[in-house]
C-alpha atoms as a PDB file:
ATOM      1  CA  MET A   1     101.259 108.776  35.435  1.00  0.00           C
ATOM      2  CA  GLY A   2      98.936 106.563  33.811  1.00  0.00           C
ATOM      3  CA  VAL A   3     100.429 103.167  32.430  1.00  0.00           C
ATOM      4  CA  LEU A   4     101.884 102.395  35.894  1.00  0.00           C
ATOM      5  CA  HIS A   5      99.101 102.726  37.891  1.00  0.00           C
ATOM      6  CA  ALA A   6      96.884 101.529  36.164  1.00  0.00           C
ATOM      7  CA  LEU A   7      98.524  98.561  35.828  1.00  0.00           C
ATOM      8  CA  ALA A   8      99.131  98.810  39.351  1.00  0.00           C
ATOM      9  CA  LEU A   9      94.821  98.482  40.709  1.00  0.00           C
ATOM     10  CA  GLY A  10      95.014  94.631  39.347  1.00  0.00           C
ATOM     11  CA  PRO A  11      97.127  93.116  42.147  1.00  0.00           C
ATOM     12  CA  ALA A  12      95.458  96.167  44.343  1.00  0.00           C
ATOM     13  CA  VAL A  13      92.039  94.670  43.395  1.00  0.00           C
ATOM     14  CA  LEU A  14      93.156  91.418  44.319  1.00  0.00           C
ATOM     15  CA  ALA A  15      95.580  92.378  47.463  1.00  0.00           C
ATOM     16  CA  VAL A  16      92.064  94.216  48.779  1.00  0.00           C
ATOM     17  CA  ALA A  17      89.879  90.895  47.498  1.00  0.00           C
ATOM     18  CA  CYS A  18      92.458  89.052  50.223  1.00  0.00           C
ATOM     19  CA  THR A  19      92.178  90.767  52.646  1.00  0.00           C
ATOM     20  CA  PRO A  20      91.101  88.814  55.974  1.00  0.00           C
ATOM     21  CA  ALA A  21      87.429  90.499  56.770  1.00  0.00           C
ATOM     22  CA  HIS A  22      86.850  88.865  60.122  1.00  0.00           C
ATOM     23  CA  GLY A  23      86.083  91.344  62.867  1.00  0.00           C
ATOM     24  CA  ARG A  24      86.257  94.639  63.304  1.00  0.00           C
ATOM     25  CA  CYS A  25      89.675  95.752  61.923  1.00  0.00           C
ATOM     26  CA  GLY A  26      89.093  93.312  58.937  1.00  0.00           C
ATOM     27  CA  ARG A  27      85.772  95.821  57.957  1.00  0.00           C
ATOM     28  CA  ALA A  28      88.797  98.487  58.738  1.00  0.00           C
ATOM     29  CA  ALA A  29      91.250  97.424  57.138  1.00  0.00           C
ATOM     30  CA  VAL A  30      88.889  96.403  53.886  1.00  0.00           C
ATOM     31  CA  ALA A  31      86.514  99.954  53.826  1.00  0.00           C
ATOM     32  CA  ALA A  32      90.703 101.334  53.908  1.00  0.00           C
ATOM     33  CA  GLY A  33      91.860  99.070  50.743  1.00  0.00           C
ATOM     34  CA  LEU A  34      88.851 100.244  48.956  1.00  0.00           C
ATOM     35  CA  LEU A  35      89.803 103.743  49.841  1.00  0.00           C
ATOM     36  CA  MET A  36      93.265 103.014  48.714  1.00  0.00           C
ATOM     37  CA  LEU A  37      91.692 101.327  45.461  1.00  0.00           C
ATOM     38  CA  LEU A  38      89.317 105.101  44.523  1.00  0.00           C
ATOM     39  CA  ALA A  39      92.279 107.264  44.985  1.00  0.00           C
ATOM     40  CA  MET A  40      94.299 104.644  42.767  1.00  0.00           C
ATOM     41  CA  ALA A  41      91.567 104.687  39.666  1.00  0.00           C
ATOM     42  CA  ASP A  42      91.318 108.500  40.596  1.00  0.00           C
ATOM     43  CA  LEU A  43      94.735 109.222  40.216  1.00  0.00           C
ATOM     44  CA  ALA A  44      95.736 106.908  36.933  1.00  0.00           C
ATOM     45  CA  LEU A  45      91.958 107.447  34.858  1.00  0.00           C
ATOM     46  CA  LEU A  46      90.911 110.807  35.514  1.00  0.00           C
ATOM     47  CA  PRO A  47      92.988 113.353  34.474  1.00  0.00           C
ATOM     48  CA  ALA A  48      91.260 116.072  35.958  1.00  0.00           C
ATOM     49  CA  GLY A  49      90.112 114.047  39.253  1.00  0.00           C
ATOM     50  CA  LEU A  50      90.161 115.294  42.986  1.00  0.00           C
ATOM     51  CA  PRO A  51      93.848 116.952  43.408  1.00  0.00           C
ATOM     52  CA  ASP A  52      96.174 114.778  45.002  1.00  0.00           C
ATOM     53  CA  LEU A  53      96.952 116.395  48.152  1.00  0.00           C
ATOM     54  CA  VAL A  54      93.328 115.531  48.955  1.00  0.00           C
ATOM     55  CA  TRP A  55      94.114 111.550  47.708  1.00  0.00           C
ATOM     56  CA  VAL A  56      97.238 112.266  50.621  1.00  0.00           C
ATOM     57  CA  ALA A  57      95.141 113.667  53.120  1.00  0.00           C
ATOM     58  CA  ALA A  58      92.423 111.277  52.811  1.00  0.00           C
ATOM     59  CA  LEU A  59      95.260 109.074  52.357  1.00  0.00           C
ATOM     60  CA  LEU A  60      97.046 109.953  55.471  1.00  0.00           C
ATOM     61  CA  THR A  61      93.951 110.196  57.380  1.00  0.00           C
ATOM     62  CA  ALA A  62      92.912 106.275  57.341  1.00  0.00           C
ATOM     63  CA  ALA A  63      96.084 105.335  57.202  1.00  0.00           C
ATOM     64  CA  VAL A  64      96.241 106.933  61.053  1.00  0.00           C
ATOM     65  CA  ALA A  65      92.385 105.444  61.151  1.00  0.00           C
ATOM     66  CA  LEU A  66      93.255 102.201  60.763  1.00  0.00           C
ATOM     67  CA  ALA A  67      96.569 101.729  62.634  1.00  0.00           C
ATOM     68  CA  ARG A  68      94.438 103.415  65.746  1.00  0.00           C
ATOM     69  CA  THR A  69      92.033 100.245  65.192  1.00  0.00           C
ATOM     70  CA  LEU A  70      94.608  98.069  65.540  1.00  0.00           C
ATOM     71  CA  ARG A  71      96.468  99.092  68.415  1.00  0.00           C
ATOM     72  CA  ARG A  72      92.807  99.085  70.274  1.00  0.00           C
ATOM     73  CA  ALA A  73      92.238  95.307  69.083  1.00  0.00           C
ATOM     74  CA  SER A  74      92.126  92.685  70.741  1.00  0.00           C
ATOM     75  CA  PRO A  75      95.261  89.847  69.949  1.00  0.00           C
ATOM     76  CA  GLU A  76      93.600  87.248  71.744  1.00  0.00           C
ATOM     77  CA  ALA A  77      90.245  88.051  69.033  1.00  0.00           C
ATOM     78  CA  GLY A  78      92.558  87.530  66.671  1.00  0.00           C
ATOM     79  CA  GLU A  79      91.906  90.749  65.391  1.00  0.00           C
ATOM     80  CA  ARG A  80      95.898  92.099  64.903  1.00  0.00           C
ATOM     81  CA  HIS A  81      96.113  89.843  62.143  1.00  0.00           C
ATOM     82  CA  PRO A  82      99.540  91.155  59.536  1.00  0.00           C
ATOM     83  CA  CYS A  83      97.131  91.516  56.529  1.00  0.00           C
ATOM     84  CA  HIS A  84      95.687  94.860  58.359  1.00  0.00           C
ATOM     85  CA  GLN A  85      99.087  96.308  59.569  1.00  0.00           C
ATOM     86  CA  LEU A  86     100.106  95.308  56.197  1.00  0.00           C
ATOM     87  CA  HIS A  87      96.834  97.842  55.237  1.00  0.00           C
ATOM     88  CA  VAL A  88      98.631 100.924  56.848  1.00  0.00           C
ATOM     89  CA  GLY A  89     101.673 101.033  55.531  1.00  0.00           C
ATOM     90  CA  SER A  90     100.272 100.173  52.715  1.00  0.00           C
ATOM     91  CA  LEU A  91      98.992 103.291  52.446  1.00  0.00           C
ATOM     92  CA  LEU A  92     101.095 105.859  53.808  1.00  0.00           C
ATOM     93  CA  ALA A  93     103.506 104.143  50.748  1.00  0.00           C
ATOM     94  CA  MET A  94     100.445 105.430  48.585  1.00  0.00           C
ATOM     95  CA  ALA A  95      99.796 108.878  50.022  1.00  0.00           C
ATOM     96  CA  VAL A  96     103.718 109.819  50.529  1.00  0.00           C
ATOM     97  CA  LEU A  97     104.260 108.364  46.511  1.00  0.00           C
ATOM     98  CA  THR A  98     100.724 110.706  45.879  1.00  0.00           C
ATOM     99  CA  ALA A  99     102.571 113.727  47.223  1.00  0.00           C
ATOM    100  CA  ALA A 100     105.962 112.793  46.133  1.00  0.00           C
ATOM    101  CA  ALA A 101     104.123 112.720  42.651  1.00  0.00           C
ATOM    102  CA  ALA A 102     102.517 115.913  43.214  1.00  0.00           C
ATOM    103  CA  GLY A 103     105.311 117.535  44.115  1.00  0.00           C
ATOM    104  CA  SER A 104     107.683 120.641  43.076  1.00  0.00           C
ATOM    105  CA  ALA A 105     105.229 121.089  39.874  1.00  0.00           C
ATOM    106  CA  GLY A 106     103.266 123.969  41.115  1.00  0.00           C
ATOM    107  CA  ALA A 107     100.097 122.500  42.417  1.00  0.00           C
ATOM    108  CA  GLY A 108      98.781 123.836  46.144  1.00  0.00           C
ATOM    109  CA  PRO A 109      95.967 122.954  47.996  1.00  0.00           C
ATOM    110  CA  ALA A 110      93.933 124.358  45.530  1.00  0.00           C
ATOM    111  CA  ALA A 111      94.676 123.021  42.194  1.00  0.00           C
ATOM    112  CA  GLY A 112      92.496 120.766  40.709  1.00  0.00           C
ATOM    113  CA  GLY A 113      93.281 117.671  38.739  1.00  0.00           C
ATOM    114  CA  HIS A 114      96.894 115.775  38.399  1.00  0.00           C
ATOM    115  CA  HIS A 115     100.308 117.812  37.885  1.00  0.00           C
ATOM    116  CA  HIS A 116     103.454 115.119  38.320  1.00  0.00           C
ATOM    117  CA  SER A 117     107.019 115.660  38.694  1.00  0.00           C
ATOM    118  CA  THR A 118     109.457 113.445  37.519  1.00  0.00           C
ATOM    119  CA  ASP A 119     112.159 115.809  39.231  1.00  0.00           C
ATOM    120  CA  SER A 120     114.821 114.039  42.253  1.00  0.00           C
ATOM    121  CA  ASP A 121     113.668 115.517  45.315  1.00  0.00           C
ATOM    122  CA  ALA A 122     113.754 114.335  48.566  1.00  0.00           C
ATOM    123  CA  LEU A 123     109.694 113.603  48.720  1.00  0.00           C
ATOM    124  CA  THR A 124     110.207 111.205  45.368  1.00  0.00           C
ATOM    125  CA  MET A 125     113.338 109.478  47.729  1.00  0.00           C
ATOM    126  CA  VAL A 126     111.807 108.481  50.668  1.00  0.00           C
ATOM    127  CA  GLY A 127     107.923 107.971  48.807  1.00  0.00           C
ATOM    128  CA  VAL A 128     110.658 104.628  46.747  1.00  0.00           C
ATOM    129  CA  GLY A 129     112.110 104.185  50.646  1.00  0.00           C
ATOM    130  CA  THR A 130     108.449 103.817  51.907  1.00  0.00           C
ATOM    131  CA  ALA A 131     108.074 101.806  48.784  1.00  0.00           C
ATOM    132  CA  ALA A 132     110.759  99.607  49.261  1.00  0.00           C
ATOM    133  CA  ALA A 133     110.961  98.798  53.329  1.00  0.00           C
ATOM    134  CA  PHE A 134     107.107  98.055  52.657  1.00  0.00           C
ATOM    135  CA  VAL A 135     107.149  95.511  49.081  1.00  0.00           C
ATOM    136  CA  VAL A 136     110.084  94.043  52.146  1.00  0.00           C
ATOM    137  CA  ALA A 137     107.699  93.077  55.158  1.00  0.00           C
ATOM    138  CA  SER A 138     105.269  92.869  52.349  1.00  0.00           C
ATOM    139  CA  CYS A 139     107.490  89.836  51.659  1.00  0.00           C
ATOM    140  CA  VAL A 140     108.279  88.848  55.017  1.00  0.00           C
ATOM    141  CA  VAL A 141     104.233  88.354  56.348  1.00  0.00           C
ATOM    142  CA  ALA A 142     104.055  86.111  52.445  1.00  0.00           C
ATOM    143  CA  ALA A 143     106.945  83.814  53.704  1.00  0.00           C
ATOM    144  CA  ALA A 144     106.166  83.810  56.882  1.00  0.00           C
ATOM    145  CA  PRO A 145     105.713  79.794  57.788  1.00  0.00           C
ATOM    146  CA  GLY A 146     101.102  79.112  58.737  1.00  0.00           C
ATOM    147  CA  ARG A 147      99.848  81.881  56.699  1.00  0.00           C
ATOM    148  CA  ARG A 148      96.684  80.720  54.891  1.00  0.00           C
ATOM    149  CA  THR A 149      97.163  81.507  50.508  1.00  0.00           C
ATOM    150  CA  ALA A 150      94.914  83.982  50.463  1.00  0.00           C
ATOM    151  CA  ASP A 151      97.285  86.090  52.941  1.00  0.00           C
ATOM    152  CA  ARG A 152     100.300  85.108  50.646  1.00  0.00           C
ATOM    153  CA  VAL A 153      98.218  86.295  47.688  1.00  0.00           C
ATOM    154  CA  GLY A 154      97.588  89.325  48.848  1.00  0.00           C
ATOM    155  CA  ALA A 155     100.683  90.253  50.618  1.00  0.00           C
ATOM    156  CA  LEU A 156     102.951  89.522  47.388  1.00  0.00           C
ATOM    157  CA  ALA A 157      99.491  91.836  45.288  1.00  0.00           C
ATOM    158  CA  GLY A 158     100.164  94.797  47.571  1.00  0.00           C
ATOM    159  CA  ALA A 159     103.779  94.714  47.415  1.00  0.00           C
ATOM    160  CA  GLY A 160     103.203  94.307  43.447  1.00  0.00           C
ATOM    161  CA  SER A 161     100.876  97.374  43.349  1.00  0.00           C
ATOM    162  CA  VAL A 162     102.937  99.455  45.373  1.00  0.00           C
ATOM    163  CA  ALA A 163     105.893  98.827  43.462  1.00  0.00           C
ATOM    164  CA  LEU A 164     104.698  99.707  40.365  1.00  0.00           C
ATOM    165  CA  MET A 165     103.024 102.651  41.552  1.00  0.00           C
ATOM    166  CA  ALA A 166     106.470 103.907  42.773  1.00  0.00           C
ATOM    167  CA  ALA A 167     108.062 103.368  39.204  1.00  0.00           C
ATOM    168  CA  ALA A 168     105.419 105.844  38.207  1.00  0.00           C
ATOM    169  CA  VAL A 169     105.999 108.287  40.258  1.00  0.00           C
ATOM    170  CA  LEU A 170     110.100 107.235  38.943  1.00  0.00           C
ATOM    171  CA  VAL A 171     109.075 107.241  35.139  1.00  0.00           C
END
């Protein structure tokens, strides 16, 4: 998984840096983004890091927690920012892509290190489909009128990062 996942770290850092951090939802989105960066760095740079399925569980938990935080947010207070919602999609895409990469290579939940499969199985296709949907959603958010430049850059950087992660699973 090395090179493409390492390349995906650059735009992911930019996406997290551009995240609006105001309010409870902003802080939650930044924290979720930092968790995703940690997972990406572990998967890309540490050959014997945490098992992939540990990261899948952590990313799914973070996605659910962030979605719950956003759901409880006050729309009048401006806490429901579209970029925060993109973080949920990014976490879900990353979790499915990580699970697909772990795939059918025989990595059980207790297996250490990273085990990756390039099989074109159903989970891989779901992961690529999830990534494609996230990229489209990111482009829609970036193209919306009235967005700050940082929002546009963050959305497009997130899209680029997820696209690179999907490519890494396919290669």
